[in-house]
Amino acid sequence: MEGRTILVVDGETDSRRHAVRILRDAGYEVQGTGVAAEALSAMRKEPPDAVLVDLALNDADPERLIRTMSGKHPDTDIILTTRQHQPPRQYRQLDVSDYIEKPVDAGELLTKMRMLDLRREFHQRFQLVGRDERFIAAMESVLQVAPTGIQVLLTGESGTGKEGFSRAIHHYSDRRDGPFIAINCGAIAEGVLESELFGHEKGAFTDAKGQRKGFFEQADGGTLLLDEIGEMPRSTQVKLLRVLEQQEFIRVGGSTPVKTDVRLIASTNRDLAGEVHDGTFRQDLYYRLNAVHIHLPALRERREDIPRLISHFIREMAEKLRVSPPVFTDEALATLTDYEWPGNIRELRNLVERLLVTSGKSRIDADDLPDTIYTPPISNRALPVPQNRNPEDMDREMFYKILWQILTAIQELPSKISAVFGAGNPGSPGNPGQLPERFQLPPSPEEARDIEPSPAKGGQDLEPPSVVVSGDDDLDRLRTMADWEREAIRRALVRNGGHRGRAARELGISERSVYRKIRDYGLDEFA
């Protein structure tokens, strides 16, 4: 592609030349090197749009090289090349866009590069940022439906980027040279909406002192976005259906049909299908609008994009406000990633702008975030969530978590009983160390060794009951709650390829907690 620059970093000469030749034949400007230092030097001179990095570099640690590249040039897309048949661990842990198996297939490589080109254009032109699969699928749907001229229904929560996607549909259509008009049906009073859409004749009502063209006339030859169409009253829905079916309308107070050539895009954050069932939205209009349905995921449904969006907003606003861009610590990013974001991208953008203006710091930590950014503990996720796992693994995990809860409850039992009896003298039942005999727990193994044989028991030593988990290789050796917790977190991370967010959701705790436990328990392979 003309103007697109790519850097290929591969120590295998034949493999590097093969990739360079494929990309050059496709029209890209390509530079190849097998030395990490040369790659960094080339990026300092002129950052490329994309970099292919081989995971088997001989002269440098590829992970460190990738972190350096992504840290200094966050706008550059990085693709891993590998001889592994499975997704490499680095693909999940590093800020990379994609990976491709070697030997590189020309068709696969060019497909991935075209997808990067698409994401870059959406980013630069429409300010739509994301690498989530559902977000990318929505972009691909835009390319498929835009040239057809068919009606499109965009759904998603407020702040998910529906207007940006509408502008993208207009841009990639044959109407791109025509007008694009976006109106919010919920922001216009019910008595005025019909006049705003279809216009009015002179004298149609008290303040109608002249003829006025409505949005359908103003958008002739272009695209009209009706945002929050679920707010439209039923009386106006009938007239909108006539426009869609016959491409004509009658101005308020008029009698002559007016022809129009408008592509309509509707968007809503409401469940129109449910409103059709309830009778608040016309069924015939719903099916007419829903020729193509594109759903945009909420921000909490694509949490991996949150750090990327934060980085984008920081650079954009720091330049606009003429301030030095601060750095968000890992703990701050983990907190923001755990947050539910009811306002979606709009709320995230406003938060970043607020922090840039008010914090005055070069580093933003979790303590600098407003009190509203709080993720409450999850209380209904004690049992494991099925994630394409076999029943045996799920049963073992369920048993493990139940046992963990039981052991936790046992440890808390003495203090709870003491609280019931109240604080007393050292020899009273209220003292945690001197509970009534019927409430005392069996001694620990260390305490049992110091206990004298009891004559009443025939001189036999007291043996504390032990908890043994059979059927698993490592669990038998775990002795303390810390061991249990460390092993649970380690296994969850292994199952999720080192991804802290998915492991946290599986365990029913916050990603921030997983981050701290990795540090506390020395799980360096997942740091």
Protein backbone atom coordinates (compact mmCIF):
# COMPACT_ATOMS: atom_id res chain seq x y z
CA MET A 1 0.00 0.00 0.00
CA GLU A 2 1.35 3.37 -1.00
CA GLY A 3 2.61 5.33 1.96
CA ARG A 4 2.49 2.39 4.39
CA THR A 5 5.90 1.55 5.88
CA ILE A 6 6.84 -1.79 7.41
CA LEU A 7 9.95 -2.99 9.24
CA VAL A 8 10.78 -6.73 9.22
CA VAL A 9 13.06 -7.87 12.10
CA ASP A 10 14.13 -11.48 11.57
CA GLY A 11 17.52 -13.11 12.13
CA GLU A 12 16.80 -15.83 9.54
CA THR A 13 17.95 -14.34 6.24
CA ASP A 14 15.76 -16.42 3.94
CA SER A 15 12.66 -15.91 6.07
CA ARG A 16 13.28 -12.15 6.26
CA ARG A 17 13.78 -11.82 2.51
CA HIS A 18 10.63 -13.85 1.87
CA ALA A 19 8.48 -11.54 4.02
CA VAL A 20 10.07 -8.40 2.55
CA ARG A 21 9.40 -9.61 -1.01
CA ILE A 22 5.72 -10.38 -0.28
CA LEU A 23 5.10 -6.95 1.22
CA ARG A 24 7.00 -5.02 -1.46
CA ASP A 25 5.09 -6.81 -4.22
CA ALA A 26 1.87 -5.68 -2.50
CA GLY A 27 2.99 -2.04 -2.64
CA TYR A 28 4.30 -1.47 0.87
CA GLU A 29 7.55 0.36 1.64
CA VAL A 30 9.58 -2.28 3.47
CA GLN A 31 12.89 -2.35 5.32
CA GLY A 32 14.43 -5.57 6.67
CA THR A 33 17.07 -6.25 9.31
CA GLY A 34 18.28 -9.15 11.43
CA VAL A 35 19.83 -6.99 14.18
CA ALA A 36 17.79 -5.56 17.04
CA ALA A 37 19.97 -2.45 17.40
CA GLU A 38 19.48 -1.62 13.72
CA ALA A 39 15.73 -2.04 14.12
CA LEU A 40 15.61 0.44 17.03
CA SER A 41 17.79 2.88 15.11
CA ALA A 42 15.49 2.67 12.08
CA MET A 43 12.45 3.31 14.27
CA ARG A 44 14.07 6.37 15.84
CA LYS A 45 14.68 7.87 12.42
CA GLU A 46 11.20 7.23 11.06
CA PRO A 47 8.69 5.08 13.00
CA PRO A 48 7.05 2.58 10.62
CA ASP A 49 3.35 1.83 10.53
CA ALA A 50 3.98 -1.81 11.41
CA VAL A 51 6.82 -4.10 12.54
CA LEU A 52 7.19 -7.85 12.09
CA VAL A 53 9.34 -9.26 14.93
CA ASP A 54 10.56 -12.84 14.99
CA LEU A 55 10.45 -14.53 18.41
CA ALA A 56 13.68 -16.42 17.68
CA LEU A 57 16.05 -13.45 17.44
CA ASN A 58 19.62 -14.46 18.25
CA ASP A 59 21.21 -11.12 19.16
CA ALA A 60 18.57 -9.77 21.57
CA ASP A 61 15.68 -10.70 23.83
CA PRO A 62 12.63 -10.31 21.55
CA GLU A 63 10.31 -9.57 24.48
CA ARG A 64 12.50 -6.71 25.67
CA LEU A 65 12.77 -5.42 22.11
CA ILE A 66 8.98 -5.47 21.71
CA ARG A 67 8.44 -3.65 25.01
CA THR A 68 10.93 -0.99 23.96
CA MET A 69 9.26 -0.56 20.58
CA SER A 70 5.72 -0.39 21.94
CA GLY A 71 6.76 1.93 24.76
CA LYS A 72 8.51 4.46 22.51
CA HIS A 73 6.19 4.10 19.50
CA PRO A 74 2.70 3.17 20.74
CA ASP A 75 1.10 3.96 17.37
CA THR A 76 3.17 1.30 15.60
CA ASP A 77 1.46 -2.08 15.16
CA ILE A 78 3.62 -5.10 16.04
CA ILE A 79 3.11 -8.57 14.55
CA LEU A 80 4.97 -11.58 15.93
CA THR A 81 6.39 -14.26 13.63
CA THR A 82 6.91 -17.66 15.20
CA ARG A 83 7.38 -21.33 14.38
CA GLN A 84 5.04 -22.34 17.20
CA HIS A 85 1.80 -24.02 16.16
CA GLN A 86 -0.12 -22.46 19.06
CA PRO A 87 -0.62 -18.78 19.95
CA PRO A 88 2.66 -17.74 21.60
CA ARG A 89 2.64 -16.67 25.22
CA GLN A 90 4.02 -13.27 24.23
CA TYR A 91 0.95 -12.61 22.08
CA ARG A 92 -1.20 -12.53 25.21
CA GLN A 93 1.24 -10.76 27.50
CA LEU A 94 2.70 -8.07 25.26
CA ASP A 95 1.08 -5.14 23.50
CA VAL A 96 1.12 -6.71 20.03
CA SER A 97 -1.52 -6.65 17.31
CA ASP A 98 -1.29 -10.16 15.89
CA TYR A 99 0.97 -13.13 15.18
CA ILE A 100 1.70 -15.28 12.13
CA GLU A 101 3.20 -18.75 11.90
CA LYS A 102 6.37 -19.37 9.90
CA PRO A 103 7.03 -20.09 7.13
CA VAL A 104 4.97 -17.01 6.35
CA ASP A 105 2.08 -17.54 3.95
CA ALA A 106 1.66 -14.64 1.52
CA GLY A 107 -2.14 -14.63 1.61
CA GLU A 108 -2.30 -14.75 5.41
CA LEU A 109 0.30 -12.01 5.83
CA LEU A 110 -1.42 -9.64 3.40
CA THR A 111 -4.80 -10.30 5.02
CA LYS A 112 -3.39 -9.35 8.41
CA MET A 113 -1.72 -6.25 6.98
CA ARG A 114 -4.98 -5.12 5.35
CA MET A 115 -6.69 -5.51 8.72
CA LEU A 116 -4.00 -3.33 10.34
CA ASP A 117 -4.51 -0.76 7.58
CA LEU A 118 -8.24 -0.79 8.30
CA ARG A 119 -7.72 -0.30 12.04
CA ARG A 120 -5.25 2.50 11.42
CA GLU A 121 -7.64 4.34 9.10
CA PHE A 122 -10.55 3.95 11.50
CA HIS A 123 -8.29 5.26 14.26
CA GLN A 124 -6.99 8.29 12.37
CA ARG A 125 -10.16 9.27 10.52
CA PHE A 126 -12.97 8.36 12.93
CA GLN A 127 -11.15 8.16 16.31
CA LEU A 128 -12.26 4.54 16.73
CA VAL A 129 -9.62 2.62 18.68
CA GLY A 130 -9.68 -1.07 19.54
CA ARG A 131 -8.35 -4.55 18.84
CA ASP A 132 -11.16 -6.55 20.41
CA GLU A 133 -12.48 -9.22 18.04
CA ARG A 134 -16.07 -7.96 18.22
CA PHE A 135 -14.93 -4.39 17.64
CA ILE A 136 -12.92 -5.49 14.59
CA ALA A 137 -15.90 -7.52 13.35
CA ALA A 138 -18.00 -4.34 13.48
CA MET A 139 -15.37 -2.55 11.37
CA GLU A 140 -15.45 -5.35 8.81
CA SER A 141 -19.25 -5.14 8.69
CA VAL A 142 -18.94 -1.44 7.89
CA LEU A 143 -16.77 -2.22 4.86
CA GLN A 144 -19.22 -4.87 3.67
CA VAL A 145 -22.41 -2.86 4.04
CA ALA A 146 -21.22 0.67 3.24
CA PRO A 147 -21.20 0.37 -0.61
CA THR A 148 -24.67 -1.25 -0.75
CA GLY A 149 -26.83 1.71 0.31
CA ILE A 150 -28.96 -0.53 2.54
CA GLN A 151 -30.36 0.70 5.87
CA VAL A 152 -28.26 -0.07 8.94
CA LEU A 153 -29.27 -0.38 12.59
CA LEU A 154 -26.47 0.31 15.07
CA THR A 155 -27.04 -0.85 18.64
CA GLY A 156 -24.97 -0.47 21.77
CA GLU A 157 -24.85 1.41 25.04
CA SER A 158 -24.40 5.17 25.09
CA GLY A 159 -20.80 6.16 24.52
CA THR A 160 -19.73 3.07 22.53
CA GLY A 161 -19.01 4.99 19.29
CA LYS A 162 -22.22 4.63 17.27
CA GLU A 163 -21.88 8.02 15.60
CA GLY A 164 -18.26 7.30 14.64
CA PHE A 165 -19.32 4.06 12.97
CA SER A 166 -22.12 5.91 11.19
CA ARG A 167 -19.60 8.37 9.76
CA ALA A 168 -17.45 5.44 8.66
CA ILE A 169 -20.41 3.89 6.78
CA HIS A 170 -20.99 7.23 5.05
CA HIS A 171 -17.30 7.63 4.18
CA TYR A 172 -16.97 4.19 2.55
CA SER A 173 -20.21 4.55 0.57
CA ASP A 174 -20.73 6.17 -2.84
CA ARG A 175 -22.43 9.05 -0.99
CA ARG A 176 -19.21 10.22 0.66
CA ASP A 177 -19.32 13.52 -1.29
CA GLY A 178 -22.85 14.20 -0.08
CA PRO A 179 -23.90 15.60 3.31
CA PHE A 180 -23.83 13.64 6.55
CA ILE A 181 -26.35 14.83 9.14
CA ALA A 182 -26.73 13.36 12.61
CA ILE A 183 -29.71 14.19 14.84
CA ASN A 184 -30.67 12.90 18.26
CA CYS A 185 -34.36 12.00 18.35
CA GLY A 186 -34.39 12.14 22.13
CA ALA A 187 -33.03 15.70 22.22
CA ILE A 188 -35.86 17.19 20.13
CA ALA A 189 -39.28 17.82 21.64
CA GLU A 190 -42.02 15.51 20.39
CA GLY A 191 -44.08 18.35 18.91
CA VAL A 192 -41.09 19.70 16.98
CA LEU A 193 -39.46 16.45 15.75
CA GLU A 194 -41.78 15.97 12.76
CA SER A 195 -41.13 19.51 11.54
CA GLU A 196 -37.37 19.07 12.01
CA LEU A 197 -37.35 15.86 9.99
CA PHE A 198 -39.71 16.73 7.15
CA GLY A 199 -39.78 20.54 7.19
CA HIS A 200 -42.88 22.73 7.12
CA GLU A 201 -44.77 25.15 4.90
CA LYS A 202 -45.44 28.79 5.66
CA GLY A 203 -48.32 29.13 8.09
CA ALA A 204 -48.25 25.48 9.14
CA PHE A 205 -48.24 26.66 12.77
CA THR A 206 -47.96 29.93 14.68
CA ASP A 207 -44.22 30.55 14.25
CA ALA A 208 -43.99 29.13 10.71
CA LYS A 209 -43.26 32.41 8.93
CA GLY A 210 -41.78 30.74 5.88
CA GLN A 211 -41.07 27.44 4.24
CA ARG A 212 -38.35 25.40 5.93
CA LYS A 213 -36.50 22.37 4.65
CA GLY A 214 -36.25 19.45 7.07
CA PHE A 215 -33.32 17.12 7.62
CA PHE A 216 -34.49 14.70 4.91
CA GLU A 217 -34.23 17.48 2.33
CA GLN A 218 -30.95 18.78 3.72
CA ALA A 219 -29.42 15.30 3.58
CA ASP A 220 -30.56 14.62 0.00
CA GLY A 221 -27.84 12.65 -1.80
CA GLY A 222 -26.13 11.84 1.49
CA THR A 223 -26.65 10.05 4.79
CA LEU A 224 -28.97 10.81 7.71
CA LEU A 225 -28.27 9.35 11.15
CA LEU A 226 -31.28 9.10 13.47
CA ASP A 227 -29.64 8.57 16.85
CA GLU A 228 -31.73 7.17 19.74
CA ILE A 229 -34.53 6.26 17.35
CA GLY A 230 -36.24 4.39 20.18
CA GLU A 231 -37.27 7.82 21.53
CA MET A 232 -39.30 8.60 18.38
CA PRO A 233 -43.08 8.83 18.99
CA ARG A 234 -45.29 6.32 17.16
CA SER A 235 -47.02 9.03 15.13
CA THR A 236 -43.68 10.03 13.63
CA GLN A 237 -42.70 6.39 13.14
CA VAL A 238 -45.58 5.99 10.66
CA LYS A 239 -44.33 8.87 8.51
CA LEU A 240 -40.72 7.66 8.70
CA LEU A 241 -41.82 4.25 7.38
CA ARG A 242 -43.41 5.98 4.35
CA VAL A 243 -40.13 7.77 3.61
CA LEU A 244 -38.17 4.52 3.75
CA GLU A 245 -40.60 2.66 1.50
CA GLN A 246 -41.40 5.36 -1.07
CA GLN A 247 -38.50 7.82 -0.73
CA GLU A 248 -40.94 10.73 -0.40
CA PHE A 249 -42.61 12.74 2.35
CA ILE A 250 -44.97 15.66 2.87
CA ARG A 251 -43.90 18.75 4.76
CA VAL A 252 -45.91 19.75 7.84
CA GLY A 253 -48.79 21.88 6.60
CA GLY A 254 -48.20 20.86 2.98
CA SER A 255 -49.98 18.57 0.53
CA THR A 256 -47.40 17.94 -2.19
CA PRO A 257 -45.08 14.94 -1.87
CA VAL A 258 -41.38 15.77 -1.87
CA LYS A 259 -38.91 13.25 -3.31
CA THR A 260 -35.68 12.53 -1.45
CA ASP A 261 -32.64 10.31 -1.89
CA VAL A 262 -31.27 9.65 1.57
CA ARG A 263 -29.54 6.69 3.12
CA LEU A 264 -30.84 6.21 6.64
CA ILE A 265 -28.79 4.89 9.55
CA ALA A 266 -30.58 4.36 12.86
CA SER A 267 -28.91 3.86 16.22
CA THR A 268 -30.18 3.14 19.70
CA ASN A 269 -29.11 2.04 23.16
CA ARG A 270 -32.50 0.44 23.77
CA ASP A 271 -33.86 -3.03 23.08
CA LEU A 272 -36.05 -2.31 20.07
CA ALA A 273 -37.10 -5.94 19.72
CA GLY A 274 -38.40 -5.83 23.29
CA GLU A 275 -40.20 -2.55 22.62
CA VAL A 276 -41.82 -4.08 19.55
CA HIS A 277 -43.10 -6.86 21.80
CA ASP A 278 -44.38 -4.27 24.32
CA GLY A 279 -46.07 -2.28 21.55
CA THR A 280 -44.04 0.92 22.04
CA PHE A 281 -42.19 0.60 18.71
CA ARG A 282 -43.73 -0.32 15.37
CA GLN A 283 -42.88 -3.80 14.19
CA ASP A 284 -42.92 -2.91 10.46
CA LEU A 285 -40.52 -0.01 11.02
CA TYR A 286 -38.22 -2.17 13.13
CA TYR A 287 -37.83 -4.77 10.38
CA ARG A 288 -37.34 -2.03 7.79
CA LEU A 289 -34.56 -0.43 9.82
CA ASN A 290 -32.97 -3.73 10.81
CA ALA A 291 -31.88 -4.73 7.30
CA VAL A 292 -28.30 -4.90 8.61
CA HIS A 293 -27.63 -4.95 12.34
CA ILE A 294 -24.23 -3.96 13.77
CA HIS A 295 -23.80 -4.23 17.54
CA LEU A 296 -21.01 -2.35 19.30
CA PRO A 297 -19.67 -3.97 22.50
CA ALA A 298 -19.60 -2.05 25.75
CA LEU A 299 -16.19 -0.99 27.05
CA ARG A 300 -16.36 -3.48 29.95
CA GLU A 301 -16.79 -6.23 27.33
CA ARG A 302 -13.46 -5.37 25.71
CA ARG A 303 -11.29 -4.59 28.71
CA GLU A 304 -8.06 -5.35 26.84
CA ASP A 305 -8.64 -2.16 24.84
CA ILE A 306 -8.86 0.10 27.91
CA PRO A 307 -5.07 0.69 28.36
CA ARG A 308 -4.81 1.32 24.62
CA LEU A 309 -7.64 3.88 24.71
CA ILE A 310 -6.07 5.58 27.73
CA SER A 311 -2.76 5.89 25.88
CA HIS A 312 -4.56 7.33 22.85
CA PHE A 313 -6.49 9.90 24.89
CA ILE A 314 -3.38 10.91 26.86
CA ARG A 315 -1.42 11.71 23.70
CA GLU A 316 -4.34 13.47 22.05
CA MET A 317 -5.25 15.66 25.03
CA ALA A 318 -1.71 16.37 26.17
CA GLU A 319 -1.04 17.88 22.74
CA LYS A 320 -4.32 19.79 22.83
CA LEU A 321 -3.82 21.12 26.37
CA ARG A 322 -0.07 21.64 25.84
CA VAL A 323 0.94 19.67 28.91
CA SER A 324 3.42 16.85 29.41
CA PRO A 325 1.68 13.46 29.08
CA PRO A 326 1.68 11.62 32.43
CA VAL A 327 2.42 7.92 32.87
CA PHE A 328 -0.22 5.65 34.41
CA THR A 329 1.22 3.05 36.80
CA ASP A 330 0.37 -0.63 36.38
CA GLU A 331 -1.81 -0.49 39.48
CA ALA A 332 -3.76 2.50 38.13
CA LEU A 333 -4.26 0.75 34.80
CA ALA A 334 -5.40 -2.42 36.58
CA THR A 335 -7.94 -0.41 38.58
CA LEU A 336 -9.26 1.32 35.47
CA THR A 337 -9.42 -1.99 33.61
CA ASP A 338 -11.49 -3.54 36.43
CA TYR A 339 -13.97 -0.65 36.48
CA GLU A 340 -17.36 -1.27 34.81
CA TRP A 341 -17.48 2.02 32.78
CA PRO A 342 -21.25 2.61 32.59
CA GLY A 343 -20.51 5.65 30.41
CA ASN A 344 -18.21 3.62 28.15
CA ILE A 345 -15.65 5.43 25.95
CA ARG A 346 -17.16 8.84 26.63
CA GLU A 347 -16.68 8.40 30.38
CA LEU A 348 -13.11 7.16 29.94
CA ARG A 349 -12.22 10.12 27.74
CA ASN A 350 -13.64 12.59 30.26
CA LEU A 351 -11.71 10.93 33.10
CA VAL A 352 -8.39 11.12 31.27
CA GLU A 353 -8.98 14.77 30.44
CA ARG A 354 -9.87 15.51 34.06
CA LEU A 355 -6.70 13.83 35.35
CA LEU A 356 -4.51 15.71 32.88
CA VAL A 357 -5.99 19.03 33.98
CA THR A 358 -6.22 18.52 37.75
CA SER A 359 -3.52 16.05 38.84
CA GLY A 360 -0.39 17.99 37.84
CA LYS A 361 1.63 14.78 38.24
CA SER A 362 3.98 12.97 35.90
CA ARG A 363 2.79 9.61 37.28
CA ILE A 364 -0.84 8.71 37.91
CA ASP A 365 -1.26 6.04 40.59
CA ALA A 366 -4.39 4.23 41.75
CA ASP A 367 -4.67 6.64 44.70
CA ASP A 368 -4.97 9.55 42.25
CA LEU A 369 -8.12 8.15 40.66
CA PRO A 370 -11.48 9.59 41.75
CA ASP A 371 -13.57 7.74 44.30
CA THR A 372 -16.15 6.93 41.63
CA ILE A 373 -13.65 4.55 40.00
CA TYR A 374 -14.32 1.65 42.29
CA THR A 375 -14.91 -2.00 41.48
CA PRO A 376 -16.99 -3.63 44.24
CA PRO A 377 -16.00 -7.15 45.29
CA ILE A 378 -17.84 -9.88 43.43
CA SER A 379 -19.94 -11.87 45.87
CA ASN A 380 -21.73 -14.26 43.53
CA ARG A 381 -18.75 -15.69 41.70
CA ALA A 382 -17.52 -18.20 44.27
CA LEU A 383 -17.89 -21.13 41.90
CA PRO A 384 -15.94 -21.54 38.68
CA VAL A 385 -17.37 -20.32 35.39
CA PRO A 386 -17.35 -22.85 32.52
CA GLN A 387 -14.83 -21.80 29.88
CA ASN A 388 -14.68 -24.71 27.43
CA ARG A 389 -13.23 -26.96 30.11
CA ASN A 390 -13.95 -30.63 30.61
CA PRO A 391 -16.29 -31.70 33.44
CA GLU A 392 -13.47 -33.34 35.44
CA ASP A 393 -11.50 -30.08 35.63
CA MET A 394 -14.63 -28.13 36.55
CA ASP A 395 -15.57 -30.58 39.33
CA ARG A 396 -12.04 -30.48 40.76
CA GLU A 397 -12.02 -26.68 40.68
CA MET A 398 -15.44 -26.50 42.32
CA PHE A 399 -14.30 -28.84 45.09
CA TYR A 400 -11.13 -26.81 45.56
CA LYS A 401 -12.98 -23.52 45.92
CA ILE A 402 -15.52 -24.97 48.35
CA LEU A 403 -12.66 -26.39 50.45
CA TRP A 404 -10.93 -23.00 50.38
CA GLN A 405 -14.07 -21.35 51.75
CA ILE A 406 -14.39 -23.99 54.47
CA LEU A 407 -10.78 -23.52 55.61
CA THR A 408 -11.23 -19.75 55.65
CA ALA A 409 -14.35 -20.09 57.78
CA ILE A 410 -12.55 -22.42 60.22
CA GLN A 411 -9.72 -19.92 60.68
CA GLU A 412 -12.21 -17.13 61.45
CA LEU A 413 -14.27 -19.24 63.86
CA PRO A 414 -12.34 -18.54 67.13
CA SER A 415 -12.56 -14.75 66.74
CA LYS A 416 -16.26 -14.94 65.92
CA ILE A 417 -17.00 -17.07 68.99
CA SER A 418 -14.94 -14.71 71.15
CA ALA A 419 -16.97 -11.81 69.88
CA VAL A 420 -20.16 -13.59 70.93
CA PHE A 421 -18.89 -14.17 74.50
CA GLY A 422 -17.43 -10.65 74.74
CA ALA A 423 -14.06 -9.50 76.04
CA GLY A 424 -13.23 -11.03 79.43
CA ASN A 425 -10.41 -11.82 81.79
CA PRO A 426 -7.55 -14.05 80.66
CA GLY A 427 -9.25 -17.03 82.17
CA SER A 428 -12.75 -16.22 81.05
CA PRO A 429 -14.58 -17.60 78.03
CA GLY A 430 -14.33 -14.19 76.40
CA ASN A 431 -10.58 -14.58 75.93
CA PRO A 432 -9.80 -16.00 72.48
CA GLY A 433 -7.04 -18.14 73.94
CA GLN A 434 -9.31 -19.63 76.64
CA LEU A 435 -12.53 -20.55 74.82
CA PRO A 436 -14.89 -23.04 76.49
CA GLU A 437 -13.70 -26.58 75.80
CA ARG A 438 -16.65 -27.42 73.57
CA PHE A 439 -15.66 -24.57 71.23
CA GLN A 440 -11.92 -25.23 71.08
CA LEU A 441 -10.42 -26.33 67.77
CA PRO A 442 -8.07 -29.34 67.41
CA PRO A 443 -4.41 -28.37 67.95
CA SER A 444 -2.12 -27.65 65.04
CA PRO A 445 0.60 -30.24 64.18
CA GLU A 446 3.20 -28.12 66.01
CA GLU A 447 0.98 -27.82 69.12
CA ALA A 448 0.19 -31.54 69.06
CA ARG A 449 3.87 -32.42 69.53
CA ASP A 450 3.93 -30.45 72.80
CA ILE A 451 0.83 -32.08 74.30
CA GLU A 452 1.41 -34.71 77.01
CA PRO A 453 -0.32 -38.09 76.56
CA SER A 454 -3.65 -38.12 78.36
CA PRO A 455 -4.24 -40.94 80.91
CA ALA A 456 -7.91 -40.87 80.08
CA LYS A 457 -7.01 -41.81 76.50
CA GLY A 458 -4.82 -44.72 77.51
CA GLY A 459 -1.59 -42.84 76.96
CA GLN A 460 -2.18 -42.37 73.23
CA ASP A 461 -0.92 -39.23 71.53
CA LEU A 462 -3.53 -36.82 70.21
CA GLU A 463 -3.60 -36.66 66.41
CA PRO A 464 -5.08 -33.53 64.84
CA PRO A 465 -7.45 -34.18 61.96
CA SER A 466 -5.92 -33.50 58.59
CA VAL A 467 -7.48 -32.39 55.34
CA VAL A 468 -6.27 -34.34 52.34
CA VAL A 469 -7.27 -33.61 48.78
CA SER A 470 -6.85 -36.71 46.69
CA GLY A 471 -6.95 -37.01 42.96
CA ASP A 472 -4.53 -34.18 42.17
CA ASP A 473 -0.76 -34.31 42.09
CA ASP A 474 0.23 -31.09 43.90
CA LEU A 475 -2.66 -30.30 46.21
CA ASP A 476 -1.72 -32.98 48.78
CA ARG A 477 1.42 -31.03 49.65
CA LEU A 478 -0.27 -27.69 50.32
CA ARG A 479 -0.24 -26.93 54.07
CA THR A 480 -1.20 -23.26 54.53
CA MET A 481 -3.91 -20.99 53.20
CA ALA A 482 -1.22 -19.00 51.44
CA ASP A 483 -0.16 -22.17 49.62
CA TRP A 484 -3.74 -22.81 48.55
CA GLU A 485 -4.21 -19.25 47.36
CA ARG A 486 -0.91 -19.14 45.49
CA GLU A 487 -1.67 -22.43 43.73
CA ALA A 488 -5.18 -21.29 42.78
CA ILE A 489 -3.88 -18.09 41.22
CA ARG A 490 -1.04 -19.89 39.46
CA ARG A 491 -3.36 -22.47 37.92
CA ALA A 492 -5.87 -19.84 36.80
CA LEU A 493 -3.07 -17.88 35.12
CA VAL A 494 -1.78 -21.01 33.40
CA ARG A 495 -5.24 -21.90 32.12
CA ASN A 496 -5.67 -18.39 30.72
CA GLY A 497 -2.26 -18.12 29.10
CA GLY A 498 -0.98 -15.62 31.68
CA HIS A 499 -3.84 -13.18 31.05
CA ARG A 500 -4.50 -11.51 34.41
CA GLY A 501 -7.92 -10.14 33.51
CA ARG A 502 -9.38 -13.48 32.46
CA ALA A 503 -7.78 -15.25 35.43
CA ALA A 504 -9.27 -12.66 37.79
CA ARG A 505 -12.74 -13.08 36.33
CA GLU A 506 -12.47 -16.87 36.61
CA LEU A 507 -11.44 -16.63 40.27
CA GLY A 508 -14.08 -14.04 41.05
CA ILE A 509 -11.63 -11.38 42.23
CA SER A 510 -10.39 -8.11 40.76
CA GLU A 511 -7.49 -7.91 38.33
CA ARG A 512 -5.83 -5.51 40.75
CA SER A 513 -5.86 -8.29 43.39
CA VAL A 514 -4.31 -10.76 40.96
CA TYR A 515 -1.60 -8.21 40.14
CA ARG A 516 -0.75 -7.85 43.83
CA LYS A 517 -0.80 -11.60 44.49
CA ILE A 518 1.58 -12.22 41.59
CA ARG A 519 3.98 -9.80 43.23
CA ASP A 520 3.43 -11.07 46.80
CA TYR A 521 3.78 -14.77 45.91
CA GLY A 522 6.72 -14.31 43.57
CA LEU A 523 4.95 -15.62 40.46
CA ASP A 524 7.59 -13.97 38.31
CA GLU A 525 6.70 -15.90 35.17
CA PHE A 526 3.37 -14.01 35.07
CA ALA A 527 4.70 -10.57 36.10
